[in-house]
Amino acid sequence: MIKKVLLSLVALLLIVSPAMAAEDTDCKLINALNYHRGMFAAARSETYLKIPVGSGAAEVGGAEQDVERYTSGVPYAFRPTENGGVWVLDSINKALKLFGRDGSLVKNISIAELGPVVRDFAFDGNKGFWLLSAVDGFISRIDMTGKLMSQIEGFSGANAIETGPMEELLVDMPLLASVLRFNKDETLKEEYPCDESLSMIEGLGGKLLDFERQDKLARLRLRDVASPAAYIDLAEFPLDIDDPAVNYVAAKVLGCDKDSNIYLSLTACHDTSGAIYRDRIYRCSVAGKVLAQKDIIIFPCLSSDLARERVVTEDGKVMTFYLDSENNYVLAVYSL
């Protein structure tokens, strides 16, 4: 099952008090997170676009608009387009919205009839979208105008959905401890019994990428056989920090760019202080060779119920989000 690595980040990238940070001169607070000195020079994000929080058409819903408390007070998901725009799943205002690079609203699709809260969406090739309403267990298929094309049921409690180059629908089902793959005709093709290491990102041949994490070592693999599980090893990422109390706490496959390069993230923290010793993103070839890497400083994400908090743009940037002090939903990027 793909448990959201976001939960590990929130739980283990501990927000500490200034008093605690002051006791250790090797650490300091950055964006309210406790960083070890080896991360002081890590890269900050670049603002990509800002969207005001509110109930207007060109805004996205926040905690004040979420009167039914269905969400964590931010849009559930976002996905960049190949031309620089970003689709934002404004679950609170019950709309799927396309924003241009300048932050202007380009398209607004109502999803009010697709369930009490839509928690994730994925592209259906160039034809439209899949949308997951995990409360009532429906996955709906709509075209670019919002017209309902079909629905599949039985997905109560699903975490997230994904599509890739094969244009088949993948569903993360925690209750089954599995990822499900559906053909284009919406029939079940494969079930992958799994733990949190299996992603829904496709590598070579449409095989799912798996990022296994141990305390001091992470392994990137391809899931060669759905069941019983069999893997093809691609690359290893040993933790080159000597302190025995520093271990990997999160490992995630983020996605692929237009050239099929794979993007990964690895986070390492101190077991007792929670100090962040590493938060690194990688660009790898389809065979797992590291092409670029960068340590990054993040804004804390306290929204634990999101399908994803980092995605990959077509041109190879890692995009994330945060809320700024002026109550804007900010999409930001890291360049490798």
Protein backbone atom coordinates (compact mmCIF):
# COMPACT_ATOMS: atom_id res chain seq x y z
CA MET A 1 0.00 0.00 0.00
CA ILE A 2 1.26 3.43 -0.80
CA LYS A 3 0.90 5.22 2.52
CA LYS A 4 1.63 8.84 1.92
CA VAL A 5 5.24 9.63 2.69
CA LEU A 6 3.87 13.06 3.58
CA LEU A 7 2.79 11.54 6.92
CA SER A 8 6.39 10.54 7.64
CA LEU A 9 7.61 14.01 6.76
CA VAL A 10 5.11 15.73 9.04
CA ALA A 11 5.74 13.32 11.90
CA LEU A 12 9.51 13.19 11.67
CA LEU A 13 10.56 16.59 10.35
CA LEU A 14 9.72 17.91 13.78
CA ILE A 15 8.84 21.53 14.39
CA VAL A 16 10.82 22.48 17.49
CA SER A 17 10.84 25.44 19.80
CA PRO A 18 13.50 28.17 19.49
CA ALA A 19 14.70 27.19 22.97
CA MET A 20 15.39 23.63 21.85
CA ALA A 21 17.20 24.82 18.72
CA ALA A 22 19.33 27.21 20.78
CA GLU A 23 20.71 24.32 22.84
CA ASP A 24 22.43 22.89 19.77
CA THR A 25 24.67 25.30 17.87
CA ASP A 26 24.87 22.80 15.03
CA CYS A 27 21.15 23.31 14.31
CA LYS A 28 18.86 26.24 13.60
CA LEU A 29 15.27 26.88 12.66
CA ILE A 30 14.52 27.59 9.01
CA ASN A 31 10.85 27.99 8.04
CA ALA A 32 10.02 26.71 11.56
CA LEU A 33 11.84 23.43 10.91
CA ASN A 34 14.99 22.30 12.73
CA TYR A 35 17.90 21.89 10.28
CA HIS A 36 21.40 20.57 10.90
CA ARG A 37 24.23 22.85 9.76
CA GLY A 38 24.95 20.58 6.81
CA MET A 39 21.68 21.87 5.33
CA PHE A 40 22.14 25.61 6.01
CA ALA A 41 23.20 26.27 2.40
CA ALA A 42 20.54 24.05 0.82
CA ALA A 43 18.46 25.49 -2.02
CA ARG A 44 15.31 27.54 -1.39
CA SER A 45 12.31 27.22 -3.68
CA GLU A 46 11.42 29.71 -6.41
CA THR A 47 7.88 31.07 -6.49
CA TYR A 48 6.04 29.76 -9.56
CA LEU A 49 2.64 31.38 -9.05
CA LYS A 50 0.42 32.68 -6.27
CA ILE A 51 -3.32 32.04 -6.00
CA PRO A 52 -5.41 33.92 -3.42
CA VAL A 53 -7.30 31.83 -0.90
CA GLY A 54 -11.05 32.39 -0.95
CA SER A 55 -14.32 31.37 -2.57
CA GLY A 56 -13.99 33.31 -5.84
CA ALA A 57 -13.57 31.75 -9.26
CA ALA A 58 -9.90 32.77 -9.48
CA GLU A 59 -9.23 31.68 -5.88
CA VAL A 60 -8.86 28.35 -4.12
CA GLY A 61 -10.62 27.32 -0.94
CA GLY A 62 -8.89 27.34 2.43
CA ALA A 63 -9.78 26.53 6.02
CA GLU A 64 -12.32 29.35 6.31
CA GLN A 65 -14.21 28.14 3.25
CA ASP A 66 -14.17 24.49 4.36
CA VAL A 67 -17.18 24.78 6.67
CA GLU A 68 -17.88 21.03 6.44
CA ARG A 69 -14.28 20.20 7.44
CA TYR A 70 -13.81 17.70 4.63
CA THR A 71 -10.20 18.67 3.93
CA SER A 72 -6.99 19.87 5.57
CA GLY A 73 -7.74 23.45 4.55
CA VAL A 74 -5.84 23.47 1.24
CA PRO A 75 -6.51 22.11 -2.26
CA TYR A 76 -6.15 18.35 -2.30
CA ALA A 77 -3.93 18.09 -5.38
CA PHE A 78 -2.25 19.98 -8.21
CA ARG A 79 -0.66 18.94 -11.49
CA PRO A 80 1.38 21.09 -13.92
CA THR A 81 0.70 21.07 -17.66
CA GLU A 82 3.21 20.87 -20.48
CA ASN A 83 2.65 24.53 -21.44
CA GLY A 84 3.38 25.94 -17.98
CA GLY A 85 -0.11 26.06 -16.49
CA VAL A 86 -1.22 24.20 -13.38
CA TRP A 87 -4.45 22.32 -12.73
CA VAL A 88 -5.52 22.69 -9.09
CA LEU A 89 -8.10 20.44 -7.45
CA ASP A 90 -10.05 23.05 -5.48
CA SER A 91 -12.01 20.46 -3.50
CA ILE A 92 -13.34 23.01 -1.02
CA ASN A 93 -14.94 25.15 -3.76
CA LYS A 94 -15.86 21.96 -5.67
CA ALA A 95 -14.03 22.83 -8.87
CA LEU A 96 -11.09 21.68 -10.97
CA LYS A 97 -9.27 24.85 -12.07
CA LEU A 98 -6.57 25.57 -14.61
CA PHE A 99 -4.36 28.54 -13.78
CA GLY A 100 -2.00 30.18 -16.24
CA ARG A 101 1.64 30.95 -15.54
CA ASP A 102 0.61 34.47 -14.46
CA GLY A 103 -1.92 33.14 -11.98
CA SER A 104 -4.96 33.94 -14.13
CA LEU A 105 -7.89 31.52 -14.24
CA VAL A 106 -7.94 29.77 -17.64
CA LYS A 107 -10.59 27.10 -17.05
CA ASN A 108 -13.05 26.24 -14.29
CA ILE A 109 -14.78 22.83 -14.25
CA SER A 110 -17.47 22.19 -11.65
CA ILE A 111 -17.12 18.89 -9.78
CA ALA A 112 -20.03 19.50 -7.39
CA GLU A 113 -21.91 16.45 -8.69
CA LEU A 114 -18.99 14.04 -8.34
CA GLY A 115 -19.19 13.31 -4.63
CA PRO A 116 -19.02 15.11 -1.28
CA VAL A 117 -15.28 15.71 -1.66
CA VAL A 118 -12.98 14.86 -4.58
CA ARG A 119 -9.58 14.07 -3.11
CA ASP A 120 -7.44 13.38 -6.18
CA PHE A 121 -7.38 13.63 -9.96
CA ALA A 122 -5.26 12.33 -12.82
CA PHE A 123 -5.03 13.07 -16.53
CA ASP A 124 -6.88 10.78 -18.92
CA GLY A 125 -4.46 11.25 -21.81
CA ASN A 126 -5.49 14.39 -23.68
CA LYS A 127 -9.17 13.56 -23.38
CA GLY A 128 -10.03 14.62 -19.83
CA PHE A 129 -9.61 13.51 -16.24
CA TRP A 130 -10.14 10.80 -13.69
CA LEU A 131 -11.42 12.06 -10.30
CA LEU A 132 -11.48 10.14 -7.02
CA SER A 133 -14.27 10.61 -4.48
CA ALA A 134 -13.11 8.29 -1.72
CA VAL A 135 -15.98 9.07 0.67
CA ASP A 136 -18.61 7.41 -1.51
CA GLY A 137 -16.11 5.22 -3.35
CA PHE A 138 -16.50 6.49 -6.92
CA ILE A 139 -13.88 7.21 -9.54
CA SER A 140 -15.38 9.36 -12.28
CA ARG A 141 -14.15 9.99 -15.81
CA ILE A 142 -14.93 13.39 -17.34
CA ASP A 143 -13.99 15.13 -20.56
CA MET A 144 -12.35 18.56 -20.80
CA THR A 145 -15.74 20.27 -20.52
CA GLY A 146 -16.64 18.44 -17.32
CA LYS A 147 -19.13 16.07 -18.94
CA LEU A 148 -19.36 12.75 -17.08
CA MET A 149 -18.22 9.91 -19.35
CA SER A 150 -18.23 6.95 -16.95
CA GLN A 151 -17.88 5.90 -13.31
CA ILE A 152 -16.34 2.96 -11.46
CA GLU A 153 -17.37 2.19 -7.89
CA GLY A 154 -15.88 0.35 -4.95
CA PHE A 155 -13.06 2.67 -3.93
CA SER A 156 -14.08 3.84 -0.47
CA GLY A 157 -10.98 4.85 1.46
CA ALA A 158 -8.72 5.03 -1.61
CA ASN A 159 -5.72 7.32 -1.11
CA ALA A 160 -4.78 8.46 -4.60
CA ILE A 161 -4.96 7.75 -8.32
CA GLU A 162 -2.45 7.99 -11.15
CA THR A 163 -2.05 7.49 -14.87
CA GLY A 164 1.14 7.22 -16.89
CA PRO A 165 2.45 6.60 -20.40
CA MET A 166 0.31 3.46 -20.73
CA GLU A 167 -2.80 5.58 -19.93
CA GLU A 168 -4.08 2.93 -17.53
CA LEU A 169 -5.67 3.90 -14.24
CA LEU A 170 -3.81 3.08 -11.02
CA VAL A 171 -5.51 3.26 -7.60
CA ASP A 172 -3.88 3.19 -4.17
CA MET A 173 -6.16 1.10 -1.92
CA PRO A 174 -4.99 1.02 1.72
CA LEU A 175 -7.85 -1.24 2.83
CA LEU A 176 -6.57 -3.90 0.43
CA ALA A 177 -2.87 -3.08 1.06
CA SER A 178 -2.61 -2.99 -2.72
CA VAL A 179 -2.35 -0.89 -5.83
CA LEU A 180 -4.92 -1.74 -8.50
CA ARG A 181 -4.35 -1.32 -12.25
CA PHE A 182 -7.28 -0.93 -14.64
CA ASN A 183 -7.31 -1.34 -18.42
CA LYS A 184 -8.54 1.44 -20.66
CA ASP A 185 -11.90 -0.36 -20.75
CA GLU A 186 -12.06 0.09 -16.93
CA THR A 187 -11.68 -3.60 -16.07
CA LEU A 188 -9.23 -4.74 -13.40
CA LYS A 189 -5.96 -5.83 -14.97
CA GLU A 190 -3.59 -6.39 -12.03
CA GLU A 191 -3.44 -6.14 -8.25
CA TYR A 192 -0.11 -5.35 -6.60
CA PRO A 193 0.02 -6.37 -2.92
CA CYS A 194 2.49 -3.90 -1.45
CA ASP A 195 3.74 -1.67 1.33
CA GLU A 196 4.50 2.04 1.23
CA SER A 197 7.63 1.57 -0.92
CA LEU A 198 5.63 0.90 -4.10
CA SER A 199 4.77 4.01 -6.11
CA MET A 200 2.20 4.47 -8.85
CA ILE A 201 4.84 6.00 -11.15
CA GLU A 202 5.66 3.89 -14.19
CA GLY A 203 9.21 3.17 -15.29
CA LEU A 204 10.50 1.10 -18.19
CA GLY A 205 7.84 -1.02 -19.86
CA GLY A 206 5.09 0.43 -17.70
CA LYS A 207 6.47 -1.38 -14.64
CA LEU A 208 5.83 0.41 -11.34
CA LEU A 209 8.77 2.01 -9.57
CA ASP A 210 9.48 0.93 -5.99
CA PHE A 211 11.67 2.93 -3.57
CA GLU A 212 12.50 0.70 -0.62
CA ARG A 213 13.81 2.47 2.49
CA GLN A 214 15.93 1.08 5.30
CA ASP A 215 17.66 3.11 8.02
CA LYS A 216 20.88 3.66 6.07
CA LEU A 217 20.04 2.50 2.56
CA ALA A 218 17.37 3.13 -0.06
CA ARG A 219 16.90 0.99 -3.17
CA LEU A 220 15.18 1.99 -6.40
CA ARG A 221 13.57 -1.00 -8.10
CA LEU A 222 11.08 -1.95 -10.78
CA ARG A 223 8.16 -4.16 -9.80
CA ASP A 224 8.65 -6.80 -12.46
CA VAL A 225 5.75 -9.05 -11.39
CA ALA A 226 2.57 -7.88 -9.69
CA SER A 227 1.97 -11.03 -7.63
CA PRO A 228 3.88 -12.76 -6.21
CA ALA A 229 6.09 -9.68 -6.03
CA ALA A 230 9.34 -9.73 -7.98
CA TYR A 231 11.72 -6.81 -8.56
CA ILE A 232 14.48 -5.60 -10.83
CA ASP A 233 17.15 -3.56 -8.96
CA LEU A 234 18.04 -0.21 -10.52
CA ALA A 235 20.09 1.80 -8.00
CA GLU A 236 21.15 2.08 -4.38
CA PHE A 237 21.35 5.23 -2.25
CA PRO A 238 23.49 4.64 0.88
CA LEU A 239 23.25 7.30 3.57
CA ASP A 240 26.73 8.87 3.76
CA ILE A 241 26.26 10.42 7.22
CA ASP A 242 28.33 8.71 9.93
CA ASP A 243 26.15 9.55 12.93
CA PRO A 244 24.38 6.30 13.92
CA ALA A 245 21.38 8.30 15.18
CA VAL A 246 20.72 9.78 11.73
CA ASN A 247 18.56 7.61 9.49
CA TYR A 248 16.36 7.82 6.45
CA VAL A 249 12.79 8.66 7.42
CA ALA A 250 11.19 9.15 4.00
CA ALA A 251 11.76 7.93 0.45
CA LYS A 252 9.46 8.74 -2.43
CA VAL A 253 9.23 8.49 -6.21
CA LEU A 254 7.98 11.92 -7.29
CA GLY A 255 7.34 11.38 -10.99
CA CYS A 256 8.90 11.60 -14.44
CA ASP A 257 9.60 14.44 -16.88
CA LYS A 258 8.91 14.54 -20.62
CA ASP A 259 12.20 12.68 -21.27
CA SER A 260 11.19 9.83 -18.91
CA ASN A 261 13.80 10.80 -16.31
CA ILE A 262 12.82 9.68 -12.81
CA TYR A 263 12.64 12.09 -9.85
CA LEU A 264 13.12 10.91 -6.26
CA SER A 265 13.29 12.42 -2.79
CA LEU A 266 15.09 11.15 0.30
CA THR A 267 14.93 12.63 3.79
CA ALA A 268 17.15 11.82 6.76
CA CYS A 269 16.63 13.01 10.35
CA HIS A 270 18.21 12.59 13.77
CA ASP A 271 16.34 9.97 15.79
CA THR A 272 15.99 12.03 18.98
CA SER A 273 16.21 15.73 18.04
CA GLY A 274 14.29 15.38 14.79
CA ALA A 275 16.82 17.69 13.10
CA ILE A 276 16.81 17.42 9.32
CA TYR A 277 20.21 16.27 8.10
CA ARG A 278 19.11 15.78 4.50
CA ASP A 279 16.18 16.53 2.25
CA ARG A 280 17.47 15.74 -1.23
CA ILE A 281 15.83 15.47 -4.62
CA TYR A 282 17.34 13.46 -7.45
CA ARG A 283 16.98 13.24 -11.21
CA CYS A 284 17.80 9.75 -12.50
CA SER A 285 17.82 8.08 -15.88
CA VAL A 286 15.27 5.37 -16.63
CA ALA A 287 17.98 2.88 -15.62
CA GLY A 288 18.46 4.57 -12.23
CA LYS A 289 21.72 6.47 -12.90
CA VAL A 290 21.85 9.72 -10.92
CA LEU A 291 21.97 12.67 -13.33
CA ALA A 292 21.51 15.54 -10.85
CA GLN A 293 20.76 16.09 -7.17
CA LYS A 294 20.05 18.98 -4.82
CA ASP A 295 19.46 19.46 -1.10
CA ILE A 296 16.43 21.64 -0.46
CA ILE A 297 14.86 23.76 2.27
CA ILE A 298 11.11 23.30 2.51
CA PHE A 299 8.12 25.00 4.08
CA PRO A 300 6.42 22.74 6.63
CA CYS A 301 3.34 21.00 5.28
CA LEU A 302 0.91 20.30 8.11
CA SER A 303 -1.81 18.96 5.81
CA SER A 304 -1.47 15.24 6.37
CA ASP A 305 -4.34 14.08 4.17
CA LEU A 306 -3.07 14.92 0.69
CA ALA A 307 -2.48 12.60 -2.24
CA ARG A 308 0.92 14.20 -2.91
CA GLU A 309 2.84 17.34 -1.99
CA ARG A 310 5.61 17.26 -4.63
CA VAL A 311 5.15 16.71 -8.35
CA VAL A 312 7.38 16.91 -11.44
CA THR A 313 6.95 19.38 -14.27
CA GLU A 314 7.40 18.42 -17.92
CA ASP A 315 10.67 20.38 -18.10
CA GLY A 316 12.17 18.73 -15.04
CA LYS A 317 11.44 20.88 -12.00
CA VAL A 318 10.02 19.65 -8.70
CA MET A 319 6.90 21.60 -7.74
CA THR A 320 5.48 21.93 -4.25
CA PHE A 321 3.15 24.29 -2.36
CA TYR A 322 2.77 26.30 0.82
CA LEU A 323 0.52 28.99 2.30
CA ASP A 324 2.21 32.37 2.74
CA SER A 325 1.63 35.03 5.38
CA GLU A 326 -0.74 36.93 3.05
CA ASN A 327 -3.04 33.91 2.75
CA ASN A 328 -1.96 32.93 -0.76
CA TYR A 329 -1.68 29.38 -2.00
CA VAL A 330 1.83 29.45 -3.42
CA LEU A 331 3.14 26.95 -5.96
CA ALA A 332 6.93 26.87 -5.87
CA VAL A 333 9.62 24.94 -7.76
CA TYR A 334 13.11 23.58 -7.26
CA SER A 335 15.37 23.39 -10.31
CA LEU A 336 18.02 20.72 -10.67
